[in-house]
Protein backbone atom coordinates (compact mmCIF):
# COMPACT_ATOMS: atom_id res chain seq x y z
CA UNK A 1 26.81 1.58 2.98
CA UNK A 2 27.08 5.34 4.49
CA UNK A 3 23.76 6.45 4.41
CA UNK A 4 24.26 9.69 4.90
CA UNK A 5 25.72 10.01 1.74
CA UNK A 6 23.34 8.02 0.28
CA UNK A 7 21.51 10.95 1.56
CA UNK A 8 24.11 13.06 0.07
CA UNK A 9 23.82 11.49 -3.14
CA UNK A 10 20.05 10.83 -3.71
CA UNK A 11 19.77 14.65 -1.90
CA UNK A 12 21.92 16.11 -5.48
CA UNK A 13 20.10 13.40 -7.51
CA UNK A 14 17.00 15.15 -6.52
CA UNK A 15 18.33 17.99 -6.92
CA UNK A 16 19.23 17.87 -11.07
CA UNK A 17 15.58 16.48 -11.13
CA UNK A 18 14.90 20.09 -10.21
CA UNK A 19 16.80 21.78 -12.43
CA UNK A 20 16.33 20.06 -16.00
CA UNK A 21 12.46 20.54 -15.48
CA UNK A 22 13.71 24.16 -15.92
CA UNK A 23 15.99 23.40 -18.75
CA UNK A 24 12.79 21.46 -20.81
CA UNK A 25 11.23 23.24 -23.28
CA UNK A 26 7.58 23.40 -22.51
CA UNK A 27 6.15 21.77 -25.99
CA UNK A 28 8.98 18.92 -25.68
CA UNK A 29 7.93 17.95 -21.70
CA UNK A 30 5.06 15.75 -22.73
CA UNK A 31 6.82 14.41 -26.30
CA UNK A 32 8.03 11.36 -27.71
CA UNK A 33 10.71 11.68 -28.54
CA UNK A 34 11.35 9.86 -32.21
CA UNK A 35 12.30 6.01 -32.10
CA UNK A 36 10.13 5.91 -28.93
CA UNK A 37 10.52 5.00 -25.48
CA UNK A 38 9.30 8.13 -22.46
CA UNK A 39 8.54 11.61 -22.77
CA UNK A 40 10.57 13.32 -20.02
CA UNK A 41 7.51 13.79 -18.56
CA UNK A 42 5.89 9.96 -18.21
CA UNK A 43 10.27 9.35 -17.09
CA UNK A 44 9.14 11.74 -14.53
CA UNK A 45 6.09 10.29 -13.07
CA UNK A 46 7.71 7.35 -12.91
CA UNK A 47 11.22 8.20 -11.49
CA UNK A 48 9.53 9.87 -8.49
CA UNK A 49 6.60 7.07 -8.09
CA UNK A 50 9.06 4.86 -7.95
CA UNK A 51 10.60 6.62 -5.34
CA UNK A 52 7.64 7.61 -3.16
CA UNK A 53 6.43 3.82 -3.04
CA UNK A 54 10.43 2.91 -2.11
CA UNK A 55 10.09 5.26 0.91
CA UNK A 56 7.06 3.38 1.55
CA UNK A 57 8.58 -0.34 1.55
CA UNK A 58 11.67 1.56 3.37
CA UNK A 59 9.38 2.55 6.35
CA UNK A 60 7.59 -1.35 6.97
CA UNK A 61 11.12 -2.44 6.87
CA UNK A 62 12.29 -0.73 9.04
CA UNK A 63 8.60 -1.03 11.65
CA UNK A 64 9.00 -4.32 10.56
CA UNK A 65 5.77 -4.02 9.67
CA UNK A 66 6.26 -6.91 6.63
CA UNK A 67 5.49 -10.53 5.88
CA UNK A 68 7.93 -12.38 7.50
CA UNK A 69 10.00 -14.22 5.48
CA UNK A 70 13.84 -16.07 4.57
CA UNK A 71 14.04 -15.21 0.97
CA UNK A 72 16.84 -12.41 -0.21
CA UNK A 73 17.67 -10.48 -3.70
CA UNK A 74 17.80 -12.14 -7.18
CA UNK A 75 20.22 -12.73 -8.93
CA UNK A 76 19.54 -8.98 -10.85
CA UNK A 77 19.23 -8.12 -7.07
CA UNK A 78 22.41 -8.87 -6.60
CA UNK A 79 24.58 -7.47 -9.33
CA UNK A 80 22.28 -4.08 -9.10
CA UNK A 81 23.28 -3.51 -5.55
CA UNK A 82 26.44 -4.47 -5.87
CA UNK A 83 27.42 -2.91 -8.41
CA UNK A 84 25.61 0.33 -8.07
CA UNK A 85 23.89 0.62 -11.50
CA UNK A 86 21.34 -2.16 -13.57
CA UNK A 87 22.79 -4.71 -15.82
CA UNK A 88 22.87 -2.83 -19.32
CA UNK A 89 20.31 -4.44 -21.08
CA UNK A 90 16.74 -3.01 -22.12
CA UNK A 91 14.32 -4.31 -20.21
CA UNK A 92 10.52 -3.96 -20.58
CA UNK A 93 8.60 -1.97 -18.22
CA UNK A 94 6.27 -4.00 -15.61
CA UNK A 95 2.76 -3.51 -16.16
CA UNK A 96 2.09 -2.98 -13.05
CA UNK A 97 4.31 0.10 -13.30
CA UNK A 98 1.82 3.05 -13.70
CA UNK A 99 3.72 5.28 -16.05
CA UNK A 100 1.10 8.67 -17.25
CA UNK A 101 2.25 11.50 -19.32
CA UNK A 102 2.64 15.05 -15.95
CA UNK A 103 3.25 18.46 -15.94
CA UNK A 104 5.87 20.30 -15.11
CA UNK A 105 3.47 21.29 -12.50
CA UNK A 106 2.66 18.48 -11.47
CA UNK A 107 6.60 16.43 -11.54
CA UNK A 108 8.07 19.91 -9.32
CA UNK A 109 5.15 18.94 -6.75
CA UNK A 110 7.05 15.33 -6.84
CA UNK A 111 9.97 15.97 -6.13
CA UNK A 112 8.87 18.55 -3.35
CA UNK A 113 6.64 15.14 -1.49
CA UNK A 114 10.12 12.93 -2.40
CA UNK A 115 12.38 15.54 -0.82
CA UNK A 116 10.11 16.10 2.66
CA UNK A 117 9.39 11.95 2.37
CA UNK A 118 13.22 10.61 2.31
CA UNK A 119 14.35 13.50 4.27
CA UNK A 120 11.35 11.51 6.19
CA UNK A 121 12.83 8.01 6.20
CA UNK A 122 16.42 8.72 6.27
CA UNK A 123 16.93 8.87 10.75
CA UNK A 124 15.30 5.63 11.19
CA UNK A 125 16.66 3.38 7.82
CA UNK A 126 20.05 3.27 10.28
CA UNK A 127 17.93 1.72 13.51
CA UNK A 128 15.85 -1.07 10.61
CA UNK A 129 16.66 -4.83 10.99
CA UNK A 130 18.73 -6.41 8.54
CA UNK A 131 16.24 -9.19 8.62
CA UNK A 132 13.51 -7.56 7.21
CA UNK A 133 12.60 -7.97 4.19
CA UNK A 134 9.80 -6.60 1.30
CA UNK A 135 9.46 -6.93 -1.81
CA UNK A 136 10.74 -5.70 -5.27
CA UNK A 137 9.58 -6.42 -8.36
CA UNK A 138 12.93 -7.80 -9.86
CA UNK A 139 15.49 -7.35 -7.76
CA UNK A 140 13.82 -9.84 -4.91
CA UNK A 141 13.20 -8.96 -1.83
CA UNK A 142 15.51 -6.31 0.28
CA UNK A 143 15.67 -5.23 3.79
CA UNK A 144 15.36 -0.66 4.36
CA UNK A 145 19.25 -0.09 3.69
CA UNK A 146 19.00 -1.87 0.58
CA UNK A 147 15.99 -0.09 -0.36
CA UNK A 148 17.39 3.30 0.11
CA UNK A 149 20.01 2.25 -2.14
CA UNK A 150 18.47 0.74 -5.26
CA UNK A 151 16.30 4.46 -4.37
CA UNK A 152 19.67 6.03 -5.76
CA UNK A 153 20.55 3.86 -7.78
CA UNK A 154 17.42 4.09 -10.19
CA UNK A 155 16.97 7.96 -9.65
CA UNK A 156 20.85 8.47 -10.98
CA UNK A 157 19.89 6.10 -14.05
CA UNK A 158 16.86 7.85 -15.52
CA UNK A 159 18.74 11.01 -14.78
CA UNK A 160 21.18 9.43 -16.96
CA UNK A 161 18.00 8.23 -19.28
CA UNK A 162 16.52 12.17 -19.76
CA UNK A 163 19.60 13.43 -20.86
CA UNK A 164 19.05 10.53 -23.85
CA UNK A 165 15.51 11.64 -24.75
CA UNK A 166 17.46 15.67 -24.78
CA UNK A 167 19.66 14.66 -27.15
CA UNK A 168 17.50 12.86 -29.50
CA UNK A 169 15.25 16.57 -29.54
CA UNK A 170 19.02 18.05 -30.49
């Protein structure tokens, strides 16, 4: 895994989130699409909060600030990191996720905050011990590099979701 390549892809995804924000009509940003699901506001809230939580996990792994464990990835974790995407099945959102309808200004600020955190932690990933892991609720125990890859996969996954939401409104 190339950390520089992952970083470029994450930065491009964050650019894409920022650009898309300007194309979503204000009156539709917090609107739940027909047939249910999340609004664009909820997607932005979820994905940016997740990226921030992932950056904390990366930092904890890089500084060996995690409880010792011999556990590794779950089956879903192996699949996700191997193929670079989530399994093609709908899953119920975990109760631990706090998804809220945020404003476009909040979304812009979260994107800026995520970019800053990602830029700050990227240099420490290469030196992170591969055997120091922090738990993800579905993917199992991830090390710093795996958390970084997950961040990229997760950002790209929800860009597709924003496209589906857009189609529902058209």
